[in-house]
Protein backbone atom coordinates (compact mmCIF):
# COMPACT_ATOMS: atom_id res chain seq x y z
CA MET A 1 -5.31 -25.58 17.04
CA GLU A 2 -7.18 -21.63 17.20
CA LYS A 3 -8.29 -20.13 14.38
CA VAL A 4 -8.51 -16.90 13.81
CA LYS A 5 -12.00 -16.16 12.15
CA PHE A 6 -11.85 -13.73 9.35
CA GLY A 7 -14.16 -11.76 7.12
CA VAL A 8 -13.02 -9.81 3.80
CA LEU A 9 -14.75 -6.87 2.18
CA GLY A 10 -13.94 -6.98 -1.53
CA VAL A 11 -13.31 -10.18 -3.56
CA GLY A 12 -11.19 -8.62 -6.00
CA ARG A 13 -8.06 -7.78 -3.94
CA GLY A 14 -9.30 -9.84 -1.45
CA SER A 15 -8.99 -12.99 -3.39
CA SER A 16 -5.63 -13.64 -2.21
CA MET A 17 -6.02 -12.96 1.22
CA ILE A 18 -8.95 -15.82 1.00
CA LYS A 19 -6.52 -18.05 -0.35
CA PHE A 20 -4.41 -17.51 1.93
CA CYS A 21 -7.39 -18.52 5.17
CA GLU A 22 -8.72 -21.23 3.25
CA THR A 23 -5.40 -23.21 3.05
CA ALA A 24 -3.50 -21.69 6.59
CA GLU A 25 -3.83 -24.17 9.79
CA ASN A 26 -4.52 -20.84 11.99
CA ALA A 27 -7.41 -19.05 9.72
CA GLU A 28 -10.72 -19.52 8.52
CA VAL A 29 -12.64 -17.01 6.21
CA VAL A 30 -16.06 -16.76 7.53
CA ALA A 31 -17.23 -13.94 5.68
CA ILE A 32 -16.80 -12.13 2.35
CA CYS A 33 -18.31 -8.95 1.12
CA ASP A 34 -18.67 -7.09 -2.50
CA LYS A 35 -21.28 -4.52 -3.19
CA TRP A 36 -20.59 -6.31 -7.09
CA GLU A 37 -22.86 -8.62 -7.06
CA GLU A 38 -21.55 -10.65 -10.05
CA GLY A 39 -18.24 -10.38 -8.56
CA LEU A 40 -19.65 -12.20 -5.02
CA ARG A 41 -21.86 -14.92 -6.95
CA ARG A 42 -18.63 -15.90 -8.89
CA LYS A 43 -16.51 -16.27 -5.31
CA LYS A 44 -18.93 -18.72 -4.29
CA GLU A 45 -19.14 -20.93 -6.98
CA GLU A 46 -15.30 -20.77 -7.04
CA LEU A 47 -14.52 -21.64 -3.35
CA ASN A 48 -17.65 -23.84 -2.80
CA ASP A 49 -17.34 -23.97 0.91
CA GLU A 50 -20.84 -23.36 2.98
CA ARG A 51 -18.79 -22.33 6.15
CA ILE A 52 -18.78 -18.70 4.22
CA THR A 53 -21.75 -16.09 4.61
CA TYR A 54 -21.79 -13.76 1.74
CA TYR A 55 -23.37 -10.07 1.96
CA THR A 56 -23.62 -7.08 -0.32
CA GLU A 57 -24.14 -4.55 2.81
CA ALA A 58 -20.65 -3.62 4.93
CA ASP A 59 -22.91 -2.87 7.97
CA GLU A 60 -24.13 -6.03 8.25
CA PHE A 61 -21.04 -7.56 7.33
CA LEU A 62 -19.71 -6.10 10.65
CA ARG A 63 -22.16 -7.54 12.58
CA HIS A 64 -21.60 -11.22 11.63
CA PRO A 65 -21.45 -12.91 14.33
CA GLY A 66 -18.04 -14.63 16.00
CA MET A 67 -15.78 -12.86 13.90
CA ASP A 68 -12.20 -11.91 14.98
CA ALA A 69 -11.07 -9.67 12.38
CA VAL A 70 -11.69 -7.85 8.74
CA VAL A 71 -9.23 -7.48 5.39
CA LEU A 72 -10.20 -3.87 3.74
CA ALA A 73 -9.44 -4.97 0.13
CA ASN A 74 -11.88 -2.15 -1.23
CA TYR A 75 -11.56 1.18 -2.40
CA ALA A 76 -7.94 2.85 -1.94
CA THR A 77 -9.65 5.55 -0.43
CA GLU A 78 -12.35 3.68 1.82
CA HIS A 79 -10.16 2.59 3.90
CA ALA A 80 -10.07 4.43 7.10
CA PRO A 81 -13.94 4.80 7.20
CA PHE A 82 -14.34 1.42 7.22
CA ALA A 83 -11.57 0.30 9.81
CA ILE A 84 -12.96 2.93 11.89
CA ARG A 85 -16.17 0.81 11.84
CA ALA A 86 -14.54 -2.14 12.63
CA MET A 87 -12.62 -1.27 15.10
CA LYS A 88 -15.65 -0.02 17.03
CA ASN A 89 -16.97 -2.96 16.22
CA GLY A 90 -14.54 -5.30 18.02
CA LEU A 91 -12.61 -5.92 15.24
CA HIS A 92 -9.37 -6.56 14.74
CA VAL A 93 -8.18 -4.69 11.10
CA PHE A 94 -5.73 -5.57 7.92
CA SER A 95 -6.10 -2.63 5.58
CA GLU A 96 -5.24 -2.71 1.95
CA VAL A 97 -2.86 0.11 0.15
CA LEU A 98 -3.80 2.90 1.47
CA PRO A 99 -4.47 3.83 5.34
CA CYS A 100 -6.33 7.11 4.97
CA GLN A 101 -7.46 9.98 2.41
CA THR A 102 -7.03 12.81 4.01
CA LEU A 103 -5.03 13.90 7.48
CA ALA A 104 -8.70 14.30 9.45
CA GLU A 105 -8.52 10.38 8.99
CA ALA A 106 -6.15 10.06 10.01
CA VAL A 107 -5.73 11.53 13.48
CA GLU A 108 -9.10 9.66 13.47
CA LEU A 109 -7.63 6.38 12.90
CA VAL A 110 -4.92 6.41 14.69
CA GLU A 111 -7.04 7.62 18.30
CA THR A 112 -9.34 4.49 17.12
CA VAL A 113 -6.29 1.89 17.21
CA GLU A 114 -5.77 3.19 20.70
CA SER A 115 -8.86 3.71 21.98
CA THR A 116 -9.94 0.05 21.21
CA GLY A 117 -7.04 -1.46 21.70
CA LYS A 118 -7.83 -3.83 18.35
CA ILE A 119 -5.34 -4.74 16.24
CA TYR A 120 -3.89 -3.03 13.35
CA ALA A 121 -1.84 -3.93 10.08
CA TYR A 122 -1.13 -2.41 7.26
CA GLY A 123 -0.87 -4.77 4.44
CA GLU A 124 1.93 -3.09 2.51
CA ASN A 125 3.04 -5.93 0.90
CA TYR A 126 6.22 -4.11 -0.85
CA CYS A 127 7.89 -4.71 2.55
CA PHE A 128 7.99 -8.24 2.40
CA MET A 129 9.11 -8.98 -1.45
CA PRO A 130 12.36 -11.48 -0.65
CA ALA A 131 14.64 -8.81 -1.56
CA PRO A 132 13.34 -6.04 0.59
CA LYS A 133 12.28 -8.18 3.35
CA GLU A 134 16.01 -9.45 3.34
CA MET A 135 17.48 -6.04 3.52
CA ARG A 136 15.25 -5.06 6.40
CA LYS A 137 17.21 -8.35 8.41
CA LEU A 138 20.55 -6.76 6.66
CA TYR A 139 20.01 -2.82 7.82
CA ARG A 140 18.51 -4.54 11.95
CA GLU A 141 21.74 -6.43 12.17
CA GLY A 142 24.15 -3.64 11.24
CA ARG A 143 25.67 -4.78 8.34
CA LEU A 144 24.81 -1.77 6.32
CA GLY A 145 25.68 1.52 9.04
CA GLU A 146 23.60 4.14 9.41
CA LEU A 147 21.49 5.07 6.67
CA GLU A 148 22.75 7.83 3.99
CA TYR A 149 20.67 7.94 1.34
CA ALA A 150 18.00 6.09 -0.54
CA GLU A 151 15.78 5.15 -3.43
CA GLY A 152 12.73 2.98 -3.91
CA GLU A 153 10.79 2.89 -7.58
CA TYR A 154 7.01 1.35 -8.06
CA VAL A 155 5.98 1.94 -11.65
CA HIS A 156 3.11 0.90 -12.92
CA ASN A 157 2.11 1.13 -16.62
CA CYS A 158 -1.85 0.05 -15.92
CA GLU A 159 -2.84 1.49 -19.03
CA SER A 160 -3.74 -2.56 -20.58
CA ILE A 161 -5.32 -3.22 -17.26
CA TRP A 162 -7.04 0.04 -16.86
CA PRO A 163 -10.53 -1.62 -17.45
CA GLN A 164 -10.15 -4.10 -14.77
CA CYS A 165 -9.06 -1.74 -12.68
CA THR A 166 -11.42 1.14 -13.02
CA TYR A 167 -14.83 -0.30 -14.91
CA GLY A 168 -14.75 2.70 -17.13
CA GLU A 169 -16.45 4.59 -14.38
CA ARG A 170 -15.61 8.77 -14.90
CA ASP A 171 -15.28 9.63 -10.86
CA HIS A 172 -13.63 6.42 -9.87
CA TRP A 173 -11.09 6.94 -7.31
CA ARG A 174 -8.25 6.11 -9.21
CA ASN A 175 -9.27 8.16 -11.85
CA ILE A 176 -9.58 11.28 -9.96
CA MET A 177 -6.50 11.06 -6.95
CA HIS A 178 -3.67 12.90 -7.32
CA THR A 179 -0.61 11.44 -8.47
CA PHE A 180 1.25 11.03 -5.12
CA PHE A 181 -1.86 9.41 -3.24
CA TYR A 182 -0.57 6.04 -4.34
CA CYS A 183 3.06 6.38 -2.51
CA THR A 184 4.06 3.39 0.21
CA HIS A 185 4.65 1.03 -2.14
CA SER A 186 7.67 2.89 -3.43
CA ILE A 187 8.02 4.92 0.24
CA GLY A 188 7.32 2.25 2.84
CA PRO A 189 9.75 -0.66 2.38
CA ILE A 190 12.66 2.08 2.94
CA ILE A 191 10.73 3.23 6.06
CA HIS A 192 10.10 -0.49 6.93
CA ILE A 193 13.68 -1.47 6.37
CA THR A 194 15.28 1.90 8.60
CA GLY A 195 12.93 1.59 11.57
CA LEU A 196 13.73 5.82 10.19
CA ARG A 197 10.59 8.44 10.18
CA PRO A 198 10.18 10.95 7.56
CA VAL A 199 10.34 14.94 9.13
CA SER A 200 9.90 16.47 5.73
CA VAL A 201 9.12 16.17 1.92
CA THR A 202 8.83 18.17 -1.00
CA GLY A 203 7.12 16.66 -4.34
CA PHE A 204 7.85 16.57 -7.94
CA GLU A 205 4.66 16.36 -10.14
CA MET A 206 4.97 15.11 -13.60
CA PRO A 207 3.03 16.09 -16.47
CA PHE A 208 -1.20 14.80 -17.51
CA ASN A 209 -0.18 13.45 -20.69
CA ALA A 210 -1.83 11.39 -23.66
CA ARG A 211 -1.68 8.43 -22.05
CA ALA A 212 -2.81 9.50 -18.77
CA LYS A 213 -5.82 11.13 -21.05
CA ARG A 214 -6.70 7.70 -23.02
CA MET A 215 -6.92 5.88 -19.60
CA GLY A 216 -9.16 8.70 -17.96
CA ARG A 217 -6.76 9.63 -15.07
CA ARG A 218 -7.17 13.54 -14.09
CA CYS A 219 -4.05 14.30 -12.53
CA GLY A 220 -0.26 13.92 -13.45
CA ILE A 221 1.49 10.82 -15.06
CA ALA A 222 3.90 10.12 -12.20
CA GLY A 223 5.16 12.07 -8.55
CA VAL A 224 8.65 12.58 -7.44
CA GLU A 225 8.56 12.69 -3.31
CA MET A 226 12.07 13.82 -1.55
CA LEU A 227 12.22 12.93 1.39
CA THR A 228 14.46 14.07 4.75
CA LEU A 229 14.35 11.51 7.18
CA GLU A 230 15.21 12.08 11.14
CA ASN A 231 18.66 11.12 10.76
CA GLY A 232 19.09 13.06 8.46
CA ALA A 233 19.08 10.84 5.45
CA VAL A 234 17.57 11.51 2.07
CA VAL A 235 15.21 9.66 0.30
CA LYS A 236 13.69 10.19 -3.08
CA SER A 237 10.95 8.05 -4.17
CA VAL A 238 9.12 7.73 -7.43
CA HIS A 239 5.75 6.36 -8.46
CA GLY A 240 2.96 6.65 -10.95
CA ASP A 241 2.22 5.54 -14.32
CA LEU A 242 5.42 6.16 -16.45
CA ILE A 243 5.98 4.02 -19.81
CA LYS A 244 8.01 1.18 -18.36
CA ASN A 245 7.43 -0.86 -15.57
CA SER A 246 9.80 -0.71 -12.44
CA ILE A 247 9.68 -1.94 -8.63
CA TRP A 248 13.64 -1.27 -7.31
CA TYR A 249 15.20 -0.28 -3.64
CA THR A 250 18.58 0.59 -3.03
CA LEU A 251 20.04 1.93 0.09
CA TYR A 252 23.69 3.31 0.75
CA GLY A 253 25.00 3.40 4.33
CA SER A 254 28.23 4.53 6.40
CA LYS A 255 29.44 0.83 5.62
CA GLY A 256 27.62 0.03 1.63
CA ARG A 257 24.78 -0.57 -0.37
CA MET A 258 22.57 -2.78 -1.04
CA GLU A 259 19.89 -3.25 -3.78
CA SER A 260 17.53 -5.28 -5.35
CA SER A 261 17.82 -5.61 -9.09
CA ARG A 262 16.39 -3.35 -11.71
CA GLU A 263 13.97 -5.32 -13.81
CA ASP A 264 15.34 -4.90 -17.26
CA ALA A 265 18.74 -7.00 -15.85
CA GLN A 266 16.04 -10.10 -16.11
CA ASN A 267 18.40 -11.52 -13.52
CA GLY A 268 14.88 -12.03 -10.53
CA GLY A 269 14.19 -8.20 -10.15
CA VAL A 270 13.07 -7.43 -6.53
CA MET A 271 13.49 -11.12 -5.82
CA ARG A 272 17.71 -10.94 -6.10
CA LEU A 273 19.89 -8.70 -3.90
CA HIS A 274 22.97 -7.19 -4.45
CA THR A 275 25.45 -5.92 -1.15
CA ASN A 276 28.41 -4.24 -1.07
CA PHE A 277 29.49 -4.19 2.05
CA ASN A 278 32.58 -2.87 4.47
CA PRO A 279 33.54 -4.34 7.27
CA ASP A 280 33.12 -1.08 9.54
CA ALA A 281 32.56 3.01 8.72
CA GLU A 282 35.94 4.46 9.86
CA HIS A 283 37.44 3.43 6.38
CA THR A 284 37.20 2.89 2.50
CA TYR A 285 37.67 -0.79 1.16
CA PRO A 286 37.40 -2.63 -1.98
CA ASP A 287 34.52 -3.60 -3.30
CA ASP A 288 32.70 -7.19 -2.21
CA TYR A 289 30.07 -7.33 -4.60
CA GLN A 290 27.47 -10.65 -3.75
CA THR A 291 24.31 -11.15 -5.32
CA TYR A 292 22.11 -14.33 -4.02
CA LEU A 293 17.93 -15.14 -4.21
CA PRO A 294 17.06 -14.05 -0.47
CA THR A 295 14.81 -17.24 1.00
CA ASP A 296 13.70 -18.43 4.52
CA ALA A 297 11.57 -20.66 6.77
CA LEU A 298 7.97 -19.75 4.81
CA SER A 299 9.47 -19.30 1.09
CA LYS A 300 8.02 -22.90 -0.29
CA ALA A 301 4.84 -21.69 1.96
CA ALA A 302 4.91 -18.45 0.39
CA GLU A 303 5.88 -19.27 -3.20
CA SER A 304 2.54 -19.46 -5.16
CA TYR A 305 1.49 -16.28 -3.76
CA GLY A 306 1.15 -12.64 -6.05
CA HIS A 307 3.56 -9.63 -5.14
CA GLY A 308 6.51 -11.88 -5.16
CA ALA A 309 5.47 -13.98 -2.41
CA ALA A 310 4.58 -11.34 -0.23
CA ASP A 311 0.73 -11.69 0.16
CA TYR A 312 1.52 -14.96 2.08
CA TYR A 313 3.65 -12.98 4.85
CA THR A 314 1.44 -10.13 5.28
CA MET A 315 -1.18 -12.52 6.35
CA TYR A 316 0.83 -15.05 7.84
CA TYR A 317 2.16 -12.21 9.93
CA PHE A 318 -1.24 -10.61 11.08
CA THR A 319 -2.54 -13.90 11.81
CA ARG A 320 0.37 -14.72 14.48
CA LYS A 321 0.01 -11.51 15.62
CA ILE A 322 -4.42 -12.13 16.80
CA LEU A 323 -3.07 -15.16 18.36
CA GLY A 324 -0.41 -13.06 20.53
CA ASP A 325 3.40 -13.22 19.17
CA GLU A 326 4.22 -9.98 19.85
CA THR A 327 7.09 -10.13 17.63
CA ALA A 328 5.13 -11.26 14.42
CA ASP A 329 6.71 -8.59 11.76
CA VAL A 330 3.19 -6.02 11.46
CA ILE A 331 3.58 -2.69 10.27
CA ASP A 332 1.00 -1.06 12.77
CA VAL A 333 -1.09 2.27 13.06
CA TYR A 334 2.06 4.45 12.92
CA GLU A 335 4.97 2.80 10.67
CA ALA A 336 1.47 3.35 8.10
CA MET A 337 0.95 6.94 8.51
CA ASP A 338 5.14 7.56 8.32
CA MET A 339 4.49 5.84 4.90
CA ALA A 340 1.67 6.75 3.32
CA LEU A 341 1.40 10.69 4.55
CA PRO A 342 5.04 11.97 2.77
CA GLY A 343 2.20 10.96 -0.38
CA LEU A 344 -0.79 13.31 1.15
CA LEU A 345 1.83 16.41 1.88
CA ALA A 346 4.18 16.22 -1.29
CA TYR A 347 0.70 17.30 -3.12
CA ARG A 348 0.36 20.27 -1.11
CA SER A 349 4.03 20.84 -1.37
CA VAL A 350 3.41 20.81 -5.59
CA LEU A 351 0.17 23.08 -4.87
CA ASN A 352 2.42 25.81 -2.31
CA GLY A 353 5.25 26.20 -4.84
CA GLY A 354 7.23 23.44 -4.05
CA ILE A 355 8.25 24.03 -0.27
CA PRO A 356 9.10 21.42 1.39
CA MET A 357 6.31 20.24 4.07
CA THR A 358 6.46 18.99 7.59
CA VAL A 359 5.24 15.38 8.08
CA PRO A 360 3.67 15.25 11.70
CA ASP A 361 4.29 12.58 14.02
CA LEU A 362 1.01 10.94 14.89
CA ARG A 363 2.33 9.43 17.92
CA ARG A 364 2.45 12.50 19.49
CA LYS A 365 -0.96 13.51 20.83
CA GLU A 366 -0.04 17.17 20.76
CA GLU A 367 0.74 17.51 16.94
CA ARG A 368 -2.92 16.06 16.55
CA ASP A 369 -5.14 18.59 16.65
CA LYS A 370 -3.70 20.61 13.74
CA TYR A 371 -4.73 18.17 11.46
CA ARG A 372 -7.94 17.24 13.10
CA ASN A 373 -10.49 18.68 10.55
CA ASP A 374 -8.18 18.50 7.77
CA ARG A 375 -10.51 16.89 4.70
CA ALA A 376 -8.51 18.39 2.26
CA CYS A 377 -8.37 15.63 -0.76
CA THR A 378 -10.04 15.29 -4.48
CA SER A 379 -12.78 13.51 -3.43
CA ARG A 380 -15.37 16.25 -3.05
CA SER A 381 -17.90 14.54 -1.24
CA VAL A 382 -15.56 14.31 1.71
CA ALA A 383 -13.22 17.55 1.50
CA GLY A 384 -16.81 19.16 0.62
CA ASP A 385 -15.19 23.16 0.84
CA GLN A 386 -11.83 21.70 1.70
CA TRP A 387 -11.46 20.10 -1.74
CA ILE A 388 -8.21 19.86 -3.77
CA PRO A 389 -8.18 19.57 -8.17
CA PRO A 390 -5.95 16.22 -8.49
CA TYR A 391 -3.35 17.63 -11.08
CA SER A 392 -1.91 21.28 -9.70
CA LYS A 393 -2.94 22.84 -13.01
CA GLY A 394 -6.28 22.52 -12.58
CA GLU A 395 -8.29 19.22 -13.20
CA PRO A 396 -7.91 17.84 -16.73
CA GLU A 397 -10.62 17.36 -19.22
CA VAL A 398 -11.50 14.25 -20.55
CA PRO A 399 -13.87 13.17 -23.01
CA GLN A 400 -16.51 11.02 -22.39
CA GLU A 401 -16.10 8.65 -24.77
CA ASN A 402 -12.89 7.72 -23.69
CA TYR A 403 -14.43 6.86 -20.17
CA ASP A 404 -17.21 4.59 -22.96
CA LYS A 405 -14.37 2.66 -24.12
CA ILE A 406 -13.12 1.14 -21.28
CA LYS A 407 -16.58 0.33 -19.79
CA ALA A 408 -17.23 -1.40 -23.08
CA GLN A 409 -13.56 -2.83 -22.48
CA TRP A 410 -14.23 -4.37 -19.46
CA GLU A 411 -17.69 -5.53 -20.27
CA GLU A 412 -16.18 -8.00 -22.91
CA PHE A 413 -13.42 -8.94 -20.17
CA LEU A 414 -16.52 -10.31 -17.94
CA LYS A 415 -18.22 -11.31 -20.78
CA ASN A 416 -14.65 -13.60 -21.93
CA GLY A 417 -14.71 -14.71 -18.31
CA GLU A 418 -17.70 -16.33 -18.19
CA SER A 419 -17.21 -18.35 -21.45
C-alpha cells in the first residue's frame, strides 16, 4: 500500500498525529522537529523507531528528503509562516489551530495554496467530534431545514494546566493574545456543519480578572462573537477561560433543532446528540425528541484518540486526500478563514466601540488587496507599528512573580515526568 511520508513539527500537540502515522497502513512518520531538545529526546526514546530523523532546526526539517507532507503542531501564532514555507518547498500541509495571526498572513496563505497547488488541511478537530460530525450529516440530508440560529461554546479553564501550556514564559503567545483569537473550536463546527459563510461579526469582551492575572494572561478572560451568516442566520460563539468547562453546540433550523449534550448533564457531553425535527417546514408539529451516541465505520479505530476521537478523523481524511480521495472531508484554506477571521475581526469590533465588522471572503481575489499589508496583532515583532494591545482597556500589569511561580510548576512537572 502506498504510504504518505509525514514530518511533524511539535512533539507535544504533535504526539496525536505521530500516533496516527505510527499505526495507519497508509502513513508513516519520517521526520520530527522541535526546538525543545529535551522533549525531542523523550519522543525519540518513546518511539524507538530508527526510520525517523529528528531535527531542532525547522529549515533542515522542511528539506528532509522524500517527505510528502508536514503537520504543523507548533505555536498557534506561527502556523501561517511555516505553512507558506512548507508549501513553497513542495509539501502538503496539515495546520493545527489556528491558521493565521493577521489578515496579511491570511491573504498570503490563501495565495500560496493557490499558486503551489498543494493540499492545505485545517485541523479544526472539534468539527469531527461525534455530535458535530453527525450534525453535519443530518444538515446535509436536509433534516434541519435552513439554518436560522446557532450557538457554539468552547470554554476551557486552563489554569490547572497553564504551566504545561506556557512554561512560565511571560511573552508566550497564549499570554499576549487577545481573547478572540482562539475562536475556531466554537465557530468552526457550525461553519462546517452548514457550509454557510460569515459576512459580519460583532465582538463582546469579558473583563481581565484575578484568574487571568494568576495565569499571566494579559487579556479578557473570555469573548463572545455574534455572527451573521450569508443566509441571514445568526450565530453566537462563546470561548475562553470561564470558570467551568463547556463544549456545546445547538442549531435551530426551519424544520427543528439539534444539539449536543451539556457537560453538566453528565450523559456524554459532545459525544451525545439530541434532535427534535419536524417532517417539513410548512407547519409546527408535536415534538419528536430523539437522543443517541453517534457512531460510524471509523469509530472503533478512532476511539483511543484525543478530543472525543476527533484527532483520528482529521489525519485520516488528510491522508486520504493526499492519496487522491476527492471526497475526503478536509477543511480547506477558504473554510479555515471563514472559521478564523471572525475572531480577528471581533476584536477590531471591540476596539472600534462594538460596531459590526465585515468578514471578507478571501475566495474573491478582489477583496484581498485591502488586507494584504494588514499586520495588526498583539505580537510586537509581527505587527511592528500596527501593534494592538491584548486587552481593549490597555495591556494589564502582571507581576513577574506570577510567571516565576508558573515556571517552577513547569519544572516540577518535568522532574516528576522523569521519575
